[in-house]
Structures are given as C-alpha cells and as structure tokens.
Amino acid sequence: MLLDEKLNDLLQELKKLSVPTHTVSSEEEQSLPPPFVESASSVGDRILEVSDGGEEIVRIDPKVTEAINFEAFLDGVQRTVMWRRIPLRDGGAVPVHIAHICAGIILRDKRDVLHLPENFIASRLLVLAPFKGLEEAGVTFETLREQGERFFWDTSEHTFAFPKEPDEWIICDTTFPSTDTNRLEFSDNCIIGERLLDEGLVRGRAQGRVATLRQRLEMALLAKFRKEFPMEWILVDGPLFFIDKWRKRAFKIFKDELSIGQEGDLEDKLLRFAVGIIKSHRLKPKNPQAILKIAQGERSTVRLLSQEVDVKGRGSHWDESGGYASMHFTWYTRFRLQSQRPLGFAGLIRLDIHKSTLNIVRTDTLDVESFREYVPIINDITVGVWNERSPQLPRGSDLRSFAEPYPIYQLEKILKATIYPRRFLSYLLETF
C-alpha cells in the first residue's frame, strides 16, 4: 500500500499520541432505530393521490402495467473499527476510528446476466477523530492541517468525485456535525470539552460521517454511470440522498462529466430514472397503522418528500442533515409477503424517486387531479421493483431478506468480499 508522505507523517503522529485499543470488534452495523421514529413533518401535507376506496392503500393490477426493467443496481457497504485511543491530560481517552467504504454498480445485460465492470467499483479508507476538540483539550498535532496528493480532508470537494485510485484516504474531523467548509464557525453540537469523554457520541458521529461519505461515493458512481448510460433505469439500495447544501461543491465535480450548465440541473441529470429502495424505516408516515397493513400487490398513496431522514449516526447522534434542493416522491409497498407471520414490517419497503423521473418541473401546483397522469408510471416502477425478487429465499433468512432485491443481494455479497475484514482493518497501520 502506497502512503502519501504527509499522510504517513500524520498517521505516525497519531500512533505516537495514542494507545492500542486491543479490540477488533466492528462497528459498521449501525444500531437500527425503532421503526417510524421520525416526525411526519418531513412528508408533504398536500394529498397527491386518493385510492378508489378513499383510503391510503392502492391495489395494483400487474396485468395493466408496463413494469420498469432495471438495467443496473447500486449499493455500498462500510466497515468501521476503533483503531486506537488518544489519552487526555485528565485521564480520559478519545477513540480514533478507521473505516473502509466500498460501492459498486452491477449491470444486467440483454441475456439477463449480472456482471460488475471493473470501472464501476470504488473504495476509500477513512481515519476519523474529533481532532479540533482534541486540540482544544491540549493534544498538539504537528501535521494535522496538511493535505497530500493521496489523501484529502472530509471538507474537500473531492469527496464527491470518483476516487483517483483504490483505497484513497479521507481524514475526517468529527468534532463538527457536518463537512461544511465553514464548520469552524459552528459551536452547536460539537464534540469538545466533556463531550470528548462521551464515547457513544464519538462513535455515533464517526459512524454518521462514514455513512455520509459512503453516500457521496455512491453518488460519484452514479454520475459515472449516468455519463455512460444517461437514460437507463437503476435501482439504488437506500435513499437518493443528495441535500441542497452539497450542490455547489458537487456541481464543480460533476458539471463536465454530466455536461451540466447550471447548478439547478444537477439533480435532474444525476437522479433521473433512479429509484431508491429503503428497507429500514426512519420516516414516520401519516398513518403508520395503514402502512403496516399493506399486503403483497399493494402500495401506499404517494407523498412528497423534501427532507432527508435516513442517513444518521448511531441513535440521535446525527451527522449531515438538510433539505433536498427539489422535491422527491415516496411511497410504501410490500416487496415480499412472509406468509406465516403477520404483515408488520416484514418485506415492507419505501421507494424514493426524484421529480425529474416523472418529468415534473414544479410540484407546487400538483393536486389529486393533475397527479392522475403520473399514477401509471408509479405503478410501473412499483411492479418493476417487485420483479427483482429472488425465486426463493435462502434457508435461515432473516426479516431483512424479505426486502432484498436479488441483484442487490448479489452485489452486496461482492462488496462484502471486497471490503477489508475487521481484524485486518484494526491492524492495517501497525506496520507503517
């Protein structure tokens, strides 16, 4: 592994200032929140659709739909371990984490064979600690503010770009709950003072930052895919997470690749014909009891979505958050029915699309009547997602498997085989 000279100096300094943790436990599996925990305020109040019976559930007849055929599938994985601890003068110690993130796009050819091109897989390595908070607590870093040729800080616009090489390094300052370039001006929710001793907060912020940068890596892959396949449908594992405050930095990266003339056109080019599939539910619907009763062959009515709700840290320790630049549409459906148990959350998924997928320019004038023309494409998308079910579930499958499209399941297996094992990640830097 080639290390940039300045990066090597920083890592060596971190090793001198810290002590081993003697643990190889992985923290990449974020603790799942209780289902439907978010406020309903992030879902538009305007009703766009009413079923025939006046309820929130719509029955779809697959015989009268033209199911969307997905040509590509995108997923990302992450693994985070506690690497070392930096002792403080008062006797406390602050964790330093290392993470490996990997994302890929698997394609389906005309023979329905899945394959992963070499240019559609990317990875990064992350070092995460509340560096500014540690400095204020008396820890002196001689090499902290350097940036080399093979590593970047998490505030760099390059974090939106496709990596220049495999396992490119990103240094993350988790003192702040964001990657904004002006974050030094922030004072709220920073990890400083006594908060440095809250290991759960430090861990949760690190996991949130890893998830944020994994999402950006996935968007970089999506941009590369869009350059080659501008009109193909792609199913994305997770929400189409791209918040408004990222747009200026991302535009600098994507404008040439996607031939975009204005910042306002970025989401239209990047997210059109992309469908996000969400399997863990942070968004609280207006009527959760009705949603839980959705059966196979049904979906909920469509709602507007203006605020991201799915990319968080552990529990309430949020990292990046903010509003979307333009409206998304979201609805629930039952991906697969678990026949021997009540409906509940088994196989329940939420779908997420950007307004450009429906060729909608403005959403403020939409109402029940004008939205009727979009109902057929909503049904086509839903049935297209249903068609990605595997013929049967592997023996011993858990509830998550009931919401897992087969191509994404196969891609996830490849990515998990690619990502570094937790023990290797823990001792990755000990030989340098």
Protein backbone atom coordinates (compact mmCIF):
# COMPACT_ATOMS: atom_id res chain seq x y z
CA MET A 1 0.00 0.00 0.00
CA LEU A 2 1.39 3.39 -1.04
CA LEU A 3 1.02 6.14 1.55
CA ASP A 4 1.42 9.81 0.79
CA GLU A 5 4.39 11.20 2.73
CA LYS A 6 2.27 13.77 4.54
CA LEU A 7 -0.40 11.17 5.31
CA ASN A 8 2.26 8.84 6.67
CA ASP A 9 3.56 11.64 8.91
CA LEU A 10 0.06 12.24 10.28
CA LEU A 11 -0.58 8.55 10.92
CA GLN A 12 2.79 8.15 12.63
CA GLU A 13 1.99 11.13 14.84
CA LEU A 14 -1.39 9.63 15.73
CA LYS A 15 0.32 6.38 16.70
CA LYS A 16 2.75 8.22 18.99
CA LEU A 17 -0.07 10.15 20.67
CA SER A 18 -2.34 7.14 21.14
CA VAL A 19 -2.51 3.72 22.71
CA PRO A 20 -3.88 0.46 21.22
CA THR A 21 -7.49 -0.49 21.96
CA HIS A 22 -6.86 -4.26 21.95
CA THR A 23 -10.17 -4.81 20.20
CA VAL A 24 -11.14 -5.88 16.72
CA SER A 25 -14.88 -5.51 17.10
CA SER A 26 -16.53 -3.93 14.09
CA GLU A 27 -18.98 -1.07 14.38
CA GLU A 28 -20.16 -0.86 10.80
CA GLU A 29 -23.60 -2.23 11.68
CA GLN A 30 -25.32 0.86 12.95
CA SER A 31 -27.87 0.23 15.65
CA LEU A 32 -31.20 0.34 13.89
CA PRO A 33 -33.66 2.87 15.26
CA PRO A 34 -37.15 1.88 16.29
CA PRO A 35 -39.26 1.85 13.11
CA PHE A 36 -41.14 5.02 12.21
CA VAL A 37 -39.36 7.26 14.71
CA GLU A 38 -39.08 10.45 12.69
CA SER A 39 -41.52 13.31 12.74
CA ALA A 40 -44.10 13.32 9.97
CA SER A 41 -43.31 16.98 9.27
CA SER A 42 -40.76 15.96 6.62
CA VAL A 43 -43.51 14.48 4.45
CA GLY A 44 -45.58 16.89 2.39
CA ASP A 45 -49.01 17.65 3.79
CA ARG A 46 -50.64 18.02 0.39
CA ILE A 47 -52.56 14.94 -0.73
CA LEU A 48 -51.49 13.89 -4.23
CA GLU A 49 -53.43 10.68 -4.58
CA VAL A 50 -56.62 9.09 -3.33
CA SER A 51 -57.39 5.42 -3.84
CA ASP A 52 -60.72 4.23 -5.19
CA GLY A 53 -61.91 3.44 -1.70
CA GLY A 54 -60.69 6.75 -0.33
CA GLU A 55 -58.01 5.00 1.76
CA GLU A 56 -54.23 5.22 1.72
CA ILE A 57 -53.74 1.81 0.09
CA VAL A 58 -53.72 1.28 -3.69
CA ARG A 59 -54.15 -2.15 -5.26
CA ILE A 60 -52.03 -2.65 -8.39
CA ASP A 61 -53.02 -4.96 -11.21
CA PRO A 62 -49.73 -6.13 -12.82
CA LYS A 63 -51.65 -7.12 -15.97
CA VAL A 64 -52.30 -3.48 -16.85
CA THR A 65 -48.81 -2.19 -16.07
CA GLU A 66 -45.65 -1.99 -18.14
CA ALA A 67 -43.11 -2.89 -15.47
CA ILE A 68 -39.90 -0.91 -15.45
CA ASN A 69 -36.91 -3.02 -16.42
CA PHE A 70 -33.91 -2.10 -14.30
CA GLU A 71 -30.60 -2.36 -16.17
CA ALA A 72 -28.36 -1.53 -13.18
CA PHE A 73 -28.20 -1.80 -9.39
CA LEU A 74 -26.16 0.32 -6.96
CA ASP A 75 -25.12 -0.48 -3.40
CA GLY A 76 -22.46 0.47 -0.89
CA VAL A 77 -21.03 -1.10 2.27
CA GLN A 78 -18.97 0.21 5.16
CA ARG A 79 -16.90 -1.23 7.97
CA THR A 80 -15.72 0.82 10.95
CA VAL A 81 -13.39 -0.25 13.77
CA MET A 82 -11.95 1.55 16.74
CA TRP A 83 -8.24 1.76 15.95
CA ARG A 84 -6.59 3.47 18.94
CA ARG A 85 -7.34 5.86 21.81
CA ILE A 86 -5.70 9.24 22.42
CA PRO A 87 -5.18 9.88 26.18
CA LEU A 88 -6.14 13.27 27.63
CA ARG A 89 -4.44 15.12 30.46
CA ASP A 90 -7.34 14.45 32.83
CA GLY A 91 -7.04 10.69 32.37
CA GLY A 92 -9.74 10.20 29.74
CA ALA A 93 -9.13 8.69 26.32
CA VAL A 94 -10.78 9.52 22.98
CA PRO A 95 -11.29 6.85 20.29
CA VAL A 96 -9.80 7.11 16.80
CA HIS A 97 -11.69 5.09 14.19
CA ILE A 98 -10.66 3.64 10.85
CA ALA A 99 -13.27 2.78 8.22
CA HIS A 100 -13.34 1.18 4.81
CA ILE A 101 -16.14 2.11 2.41
CA CYS A 102 -16.87 0.44 -0.89
CA ALA A 103 -19.55 0.97 -3.54
CA GLY A 104 -20.36 -0.69 -6.83
CA ILE A 105 -22.83 -0.90 -9.69
CA ILE A 106 -23.81 -4.24 -11.11
CA LEU A 107 -25.22 -4.30 -14.66
CA ARG A 108 -27.71 -6.63 -16.32
CA ASP A 109 -27.04 -7.46 -19.96
CA LYS A 110 -29.54 -8.43 -22.67
CA ARG A 111 -29.30 -12.09 -21.62
CA ASP A 112 -30.32 -11.11 -18.06
CA VAL A 113 -26.82 -11.94 -16.80
CA LEU A 114 -25.47 -9.78 -13.98
CA HIS A 115 -21.89 -8.52 -14.17
CA LEU A 116 -19.81 -5.89 -12.36
CA PRO A 117 -17.49 -3.87 -14.65
CA GLU A 118 -14.09 -3.03 -13.20
CA ASN A 119 -14.70 0.71 -13.64
CA PHE A 120 -17.93 0.59 -11.60
CA ILE A 121 -16.44 -0.26 -8.21
CA ALA A 122 -14.68 2.20 -5.88
CA SER A 123 -13.35 2.30 -2.33
CA ARG A 124 -11.92 4.69 0.24
CA LEU A 125 -10.23 4.45 3.64
CA LEU A 126 -11.18 6.89 6.39
CA VAL A 127 -9.47 8.00 9.61
CA LEU A 128 -11.95 9.61 11.99
CA ALA A 129 -11.44 11.51 15.27
CA PRO A 130 -12.60 14.79 16.88
CA PHE A 131 -9.28 16.44 16.02
CA LYS A 132 -10.29 20.05 16.78
CA GLY A 133 -11.81 19.01 20.09
CA LEU A 134 -8.61 17.15 20.96
CA GLU A 135 -6.53 20.22 20.14
CA GLU A 136 -8.66 22.35 22.45
CA ALA A 137 -8.17 19.71 25.14
CA GLY A 138 -4.39 20.13 24.94
CA VAL A 139 -3.38 17.49 22.39
CA THR A 140 -0.83 19.00 19.99
CA PHE A 141 -0.77 17.85 16.37
CA GLU A 142 2.22 18.97 14.31
CA THR A 143 0.98 17.54 10.99
CA LEU A 144 -2.78 17.91 11.31
CA ARG A 145 -3.58 20.59 8.74
CA GLU A 146 -1.56 19.14 5.89
CA GLN A 147 -3.10 17.69 2.75
CA GLY A 148 -1.18 15.49 0.36
CA GLU A 149 -1.59 14.01 -3.10
CA ARG A 150 -3.13 10.73 -1.92
CA PHE A 151 -5.42 11.94 0.86
CA PHE A 152 -7.98 14.66 1.47
CA TRP A 153 -9.93 16.17 4.33
CA ASP A 154 -13.65 15.47 4.60
CA THR A 155 -14.39 19.11 3.73
CA SER A 156 -12.77 18.72 0.30
CA GLU A 157 -15.00 18.84 -2.76
CA HIS A 158 -13.03 15.82 -3.99
CA THR A 159 -15.10 13.65 -1.61
CA PHE A 160 -17.87 14.00 -4.22
CA ALA A 161 -15.60 12.74 -7.00
CA PHE A 162 -14.80 9.24 -8.14
CA PRO A 163 -11.56 8.20 -6.36
CA LYS A 164 -8.34 8.74 -8.25
CA GLU A 165 -7.10 5.34 -7.06
CA PRO A 166 -8.42 2.39 -5.00
CA ASP A 167 -8.46 2.91 -1.22
CA GLU A 168 -7.95 6.64 -1.40
CA TRP A 169 -7.65 8.17 2.10
CA ILE A 170 -10.00 10.72 3.69
CA ILE A 171 -9.20 12.34 7.07
CA CYS A 172 -12.37 13.21 8.98
CA ASP A 173 -12.68 15.69 11.84
CA THR A 174 -15.75 14.51 13.74
CA THR A 175 -15.64 17.44 16.16
CA PHE A 176 -18.27 19.00 13.92
CA PRO A 177 -21.64 17.54 12.84
CA SER A 178 -21.01 18.30 9.17
CA THR A 179 -18.45 18.51 6.40
CA ASP A 180 -19.18 22.15 5.62
CA THR A 181 -16.15 24.20 4.61
CA ASN A 182 -17.12 26.90 7.15
CA ARG A 183 -17.67 24.46 10.03
CA LEU A 184 -15.03 26.16 12.21
CA GLU A 185 -17.69 28.83 12.78
CA PHE A 186 -20.07 26.26 14.28
CA SER A 187 -20.48 25.92 18.03
CA ASP A 188 -23.63 23.81 18.40
CA ASN A 189 -23.36 20.06 18.87
CA CYS A 190 -19.55 19.99 18.62
CA ILE A 191 -17.55 17.30 20.40
CA ILE A 192 -15.44 19.44 22.73
CA GLY A 193 -14.72 19.61 26.46
CA GLU A 194 -16.55 16.98 28.50
CA ARG A 195 -18.23 15.67 25.35
CA LEU A 196 -14.91 14.13 24.35
CA LEU A 197 -15.47 11.57 27.11
CA ASP A 198 -18.86 10.54 25.71
CA GLU A 199 -17.67 7.51 23.78
CA GLY A 200 -21.13 6.78 22.44
CA LEU A 201 -21.28 10.27 20.91
CA VAL A 202 -17.80 9.98 19.40
CA ARG A 203 -18.64 6.55 17.99
CA GLY A 204 -22.02 7.66 16.65
CA ARG A 205 -20.59 10.76 14.98
CA ALA A 206 -17.89 8.64 13.35
CA GLN A 207 -20.45 6.17 12.02
CA GLY A 208 -22.60 9.01 10.69
CA ARG A 209 -19.62 10.53 8.88
CA VAL A 210 -18.74 7.15 7.38
CA ALA A 211 -22.32 6.80 6.12
CA THR A 212 -22.24 10.32 4.67
CA LEU A 213 -19.02 9.72 2.74
CA ARG A 214 -20.26 6.32 1.58
CA GLN A 215 -23.33 8.05 0.16
CA ARG A 216 -21.10 10.51 -1.70
CA LEU A 217 -19.06 7.64 -3.08
CA GLU A 218 -22.28 6.05 -4.32
CA MET A 219 -23.32 9.33 -5.96
CA ALA A 220 -19.88 9.55 -7.65
CA LEU A 221 -20.50 6.09 -9.08
CA LEU A 222 -23.99 7.09 -10.17
CA ALA A 223 -22.54 10.11 -12.00
CA LYS A 224 -20.06 7.87 -13.79
CA PHE A 225 -22.90 5.53 -14.72
CA ARG A 226 -25.04 8.43 -15.96
CA LYS A 227 -22.25 9.62 -18.25
CA GLU A 228 -22.27 6.24 -20.00
CA PHE A 229 -25.96 5.35 -19.62
CA PRO A 230 -27.97 8.60 -19.39
CA MET A 231 -31.41 7.00 -19.91
CA GLU A 232 -31.13 3.63 -18.16
CA TRP A 233 -33.12 2.74 -15.05
CA ILE A 234 -31.08 1.99 -11.94
CA LEU A 235 -32.24 0.64 -8.55
CA VAL A 236 -30.32 2.15 -5.63
CA ASP A 237 -30.09 0.45 -2.24
CA GLY A 238 -31.05 3.26 0.12
CA PRO A 239 -32.49 6.76 -0.26
CA LEU A 240 -31.46 9.11 -3.07
CA PHE A 241 -29.59 11.14 -0.50
CA PHE A 242 -28.36 14.41 -2.02
CA ILE A 243 -29.05 17.50 0.07
CA ASP A 244 -29.16 21.07 -1.17
CA LYS A 245 -26.11 22.38 0.70
CA TRP A 246 -23.89 19.88 -1.17
CA ARG A 247 -24.89 21.09 -4.59
CA LYS A 248 -22.32 23.88 -5.11
CA ARG A 249 -19.34 21.61 -4.35
CA ALA A 250 -20.78 18.63 -6.23
CA PHE A 251 -21.54 20.81 -9.27
CA LYS A 252 -17.85 21.64 -9.62
CA ILE A 253 -17.10 17.92 -9.79
CA PHE A 254 -19.98 16.72 -11.97
CA LYS A 255 -20.58 19.63 -14.38
CA ASP A 256 -18.19 18.39 -17.06
CA GLU A 257 -18.89 14.70 -16.57
CA LEU A 258 -22.65 15.19 -16.90
CA SER A 259 -22.49 18.18 -19.28
CA ILE A 260 -24.42 20.41 -16.89
CA GLY A 261 -24.59 24.14 -17.48
CA GLN A 262 -26.35 25.23 -14.28
CA GLU A 263 -26.32 24.05 -10.67
CA GLY A 264 -30.09 23.69 -10.75
CA ASP A 265 -29.85 20.95 -13.35
CA LEU A 266 -27.61 18.68 -11.27
CA GLU A 267 -30.30 16.54 -9.63
CA ASP A 268 -32.21 16.25 -12.90
CA LYS A 269 -29.21 14.68 -14.60
CA LEU A 270 -27.96 12.64 -11.65
CA LEU A 271 -31.19 11.27 -10.15
CA ARG A 272 -33.44 10.87 -13.17
CA PHE A 273 -34.51 7.23 -13.71
CA ALA A 274 -33.01 6.28 -10.33
CA VAL A 275 -35.22 4.56 -7.75
CA GLY A 276 -34.16 4.33 -4.13
CA ILE A 277 -35.31 1.32 -2.10
CA ILE A 278 -35.32 1.82 1.68
CA LYS A 279 -35.58 -1.22 3.93
CA SER A 280 -35.17 0.35 7.40
CA HIS A 281 -37.78 2.95 8.18
CA ARG A 282 -36.89 6.22 9.89
CA LEU A 283 -39.62 8.14 8.13
CA LYS A 284 -42.88 8.18 10.03
CA PRO A 285 -45.86 8.02 7.64
CA LYS A 286 -49.03 9.94 8.30
CA ASN A 287 -50.95 6.77 9.11
CA PRO A 288 -48.49 4.05 10.22
CA GLN A 289 -51.20 1.53 11.06
CA ALA A 290 -52.50 1.63 7.49
CA ILE A 291 -48.97 1.30 6.08
CA LEU A 292 -48.27 -1.78 8.20
CA LYS A 293 -51.33 -3.48 6.70
CA ILE A 294 -50.09 -3.18 3.11
CA ALA A 295 -50.28 -6.63 1.51
CA GLN A 296 -48.38 -8.03 -1.43
CA GLY A 297 -49.64 -6.42 -4.64
CA GLU A 298 -50.42 -3.15 -2.87
CA ARG A 299 -48.73 0.18 -2.27
CA SER A 300 -49.47 3.29 -0.30
CA THR A 301 -50.53 6.56 -1.87
CA VAL A 302 -47.69 8.83 -2.97
CA ARG A 303 -46.37 11.65 -0.78
CA LEU A 304 -43.95 14.50 -1.34
CA LEU A 305 -40.63 14.38 0.48
CA SER A 306 -38.46 17.46 1.00
CA GLN A 307 -36.12 16.44 3.81
CA GLU A 308 -33.69 13.54 4.14
CA VAL A 309 -34.38 11.28 7.08
CA ASP A 310 -32.31 8.14 6.57
CA VAL A 311 -28.61 8.98 6.89
CA LYS A 312 -27.81 9.39 10.55
CA GLY A 313 -25.25 8.30 13.08
CA ARG A 314 -25.97 5.98 15.97
CA GLY A 315 -29.29 6.77 17.60
CA SER A 316 -29.81 10.54 17.74
CA HIS A 317 -26.18 11.44 17.04
CA TRP A 318 -26.83 12.89 13.61
CA ASP A 319 -24.12 13.91 11.19
CA GLU A 320 -25.17 15.60 7.94
CA SER A 321 -28.77 16.68 7.54
CA GLY A 322 -30.72 19.14 5.48
CA GLY A 323 -33.39 19.68 2.90
CA TYR A 324 -33.42 18.42 -0.66
CA ALA A 325 -32.93 21.03 -3.36
CA SER A 326 -36.14 19.88 -5.03
CA MET A 327 -38.97 17.54 -4.21
CA HIS A 328 -38.85 13.77 -4.12
CA PHE A 329 -41.84 11.42 -4.23
CA THR A 330 -42.09 8.48 -1.85
CA TRP A 331 -44.45 5.58 -1.18
CA TYR A 332 -44.51 2.23 0.62
CA THR A 333 -45.11 -1.22 -0.79
CA ARG A 334 -44.80 -4.87 0.26
CA PHE A 335 -41.81 -6.38 -1.54
CA ARG A 336 -42.44 -9.91 -0.35
CA LEU A 337 -45.05 -11.48 1.88
CA GLN A 338 -43.95 -13.54 4.85
CA SER A 339 -46.81 -16.00 4.78
CA GLN A 340 -46.59 -17.46 8.27
CA ARG A 341 -46.41 -14.18 10.20
CA PRO A 342 -48.49 -11.01 10.46
CA LEU A 343 -47.64 -8.34 7.91
CA GLY A 344 -45.97 -5.66 10.05
CA PHE A 345 -42.51 -4.66 8.84
CA ALA A 346 -41.59 -7.96 7.15
CA GLY A 347 -40.94 -7.19 3.49
CA LEU A 348 -42.13 -3.58 3.81
CA ILE A 349 -40.09 -1.16 1.70
CA ARG A 350 -40.23 2.52 0.84
CA LEU A 351 -39.48 3.75 -2.68
CA ASP A 352 -37.95 7.14 -3.43
CA ILE A 353 -37.73 8.98 -6.75
CA HIS A 354 -36.73 12.49 -7.77
CA LYS A 355 -39.31 14.66 -9.54
CA SER A 356 -37.28 14.56 -12.77
CA THR A 357 -38.09 10.86 -13.14
CA LEU A 358 -41.72 11.91 -13.70
CA ASN A 359 -40.67 14.82 -15.93
CA ILE A 360 -42.13 17.21 -13.38
CA VAL A 361 -40.59 20.68 -13.29
CA ARG A 362 -42.66 22.20 -10.47
CA THR A 363 -44.51 20.43 -7.68
CA ASP A 364 -46.24 23.39 -6.03
CA THR A 365 -49.19 23.20 -8.43
CA LEU A 366 -49.76 19.45 -8.15
CA ASP A 367 -53.05 18.21 -6.76
CA VAL A 368 -55.07 14.99 -6.88
CA GLU A 369 -56.46 15.73 -10.32
CA SER A 370 -53.18 16.71 -12.01
CA PHE A 371 -51.26 13.85 -10.41
CA ARG A 372 -53.50 11.22 -12.03
CA GLU A 373 -51.38 11.20 -15.20
CA TYR A 374 -48.37 10.03 -13.17
CA VAL A 375 -50.11 7.12 -11.44
CA PRO A 376 -49.34 4.63 -14.28
CA ILE A 377 -45.56 5.27 -14.07
CA ILE A 378 -45.70 4.98 -10.27
CA ASN A 379 -47.34 1.56 -10.72
CA ASP A 380 -44.82 0.59 -13.42
CA ILE A 381 -41.93 1.42 -11.09
CA THR A 382 -43.52 -0.50 -8.22
CA VAL A 383 -44.11 -3.64 -10.28
CA GLY A 384 -40.60 -3.35 -11.72
CA VAL A 385 -39.20 -3.44 -8.19
CA TRP A 386 -41.39 -6.42 -7.30
CA ASN A 387 -39.95 -8.27 -10.29
CA GLU A 388 -36.49 -8.16 -8.68
CA ARG A 389 -37.50 -10.69 -6.02
CA SER A 390 -35.42 -13.85 -5.96
CA PRO A 391 -37.37 -17.05 -6.73
CA GLN A 392 -36.83 -18.26 -3.19
CA LEU A 393 -35.15 -17.12 -0.01
CA PRO A 394 -32.00 -18.81 1.33
CA ARG A 395 -32.58 -21.09 4.29
CA GLY A 396 -32.36 -19.25 7.59
CA SER A 397 -33.15 -15.85 6.05
CA ASP A 398 -33.88 -13.01 8.46
CA LEU A 399 -36.53 -10.31 8.06
CA ARG A 400 -34.12 -8.13 6.06
CA SER A 401 -34.04 -10.78 3.33
CA PHE A 402 -37.76 -10.27 2.68
CA ALA A 403 -36.97 -6.76 1.40
CA GLU A 404 -33.77 -7.54 -0.54
CA PRO A 405 -33.84 -7.45 -4.37
CA TYR A 406 -31.88 -10.36 -5.81
CA PRO A 407 -29.37 -8.27 -7.86
CA ILE A 408 -28.60 -6.06 -4.86
CA TYR A 409 -28.17 -9.19 -2.73
CA GLN A 410 -25.60 -10.46 -5.24
CA LEU A 411 -23.84 -7.09 -5.40
CA GLU A 412 -23.71 -6.87 -1.62
CA LYS A 413 -22.01 -10.26 -1.48
CA ILE A 414 -19.31 -9.00 -3.87
CA LEU A 415 -18.80 -5.77 -1.92
CA LYS A 416 -18.62 -7.55 1.44
CA ALA A 417 -15.97 -9.85 -0.02
CA THR A 418 -14.06 -6.78 -1.20
CA ILE A 419 -14.17 -4.73 1.99
CA TYR A 420 -11.33 -5.33 4.46
CA PRO A 421 -12.01 -7.79 7.31
CA ARG A 422 -12.35 -6.16 10.71
CA ARG A 423 -9.15 -7.71 12.12
CA PHE A 424 -7.12 -6.63 9.08
CA LEU A 425 -8.58 -3.13 9.31
CA SER A 426 -7.71 -2.91 13.02
CA TYR A 427 -4.04 -3.68 12.41
CA LEU A 428 -3.78 -2.06 8.97
CA LEU A 429 -1.45 0.73 10.06
CA GLU A 430 0.58 -1.02 12.70
CA THR A 431 3.34 -1.99 10.26
CA PHE A 432 3.88 1.55 8.96
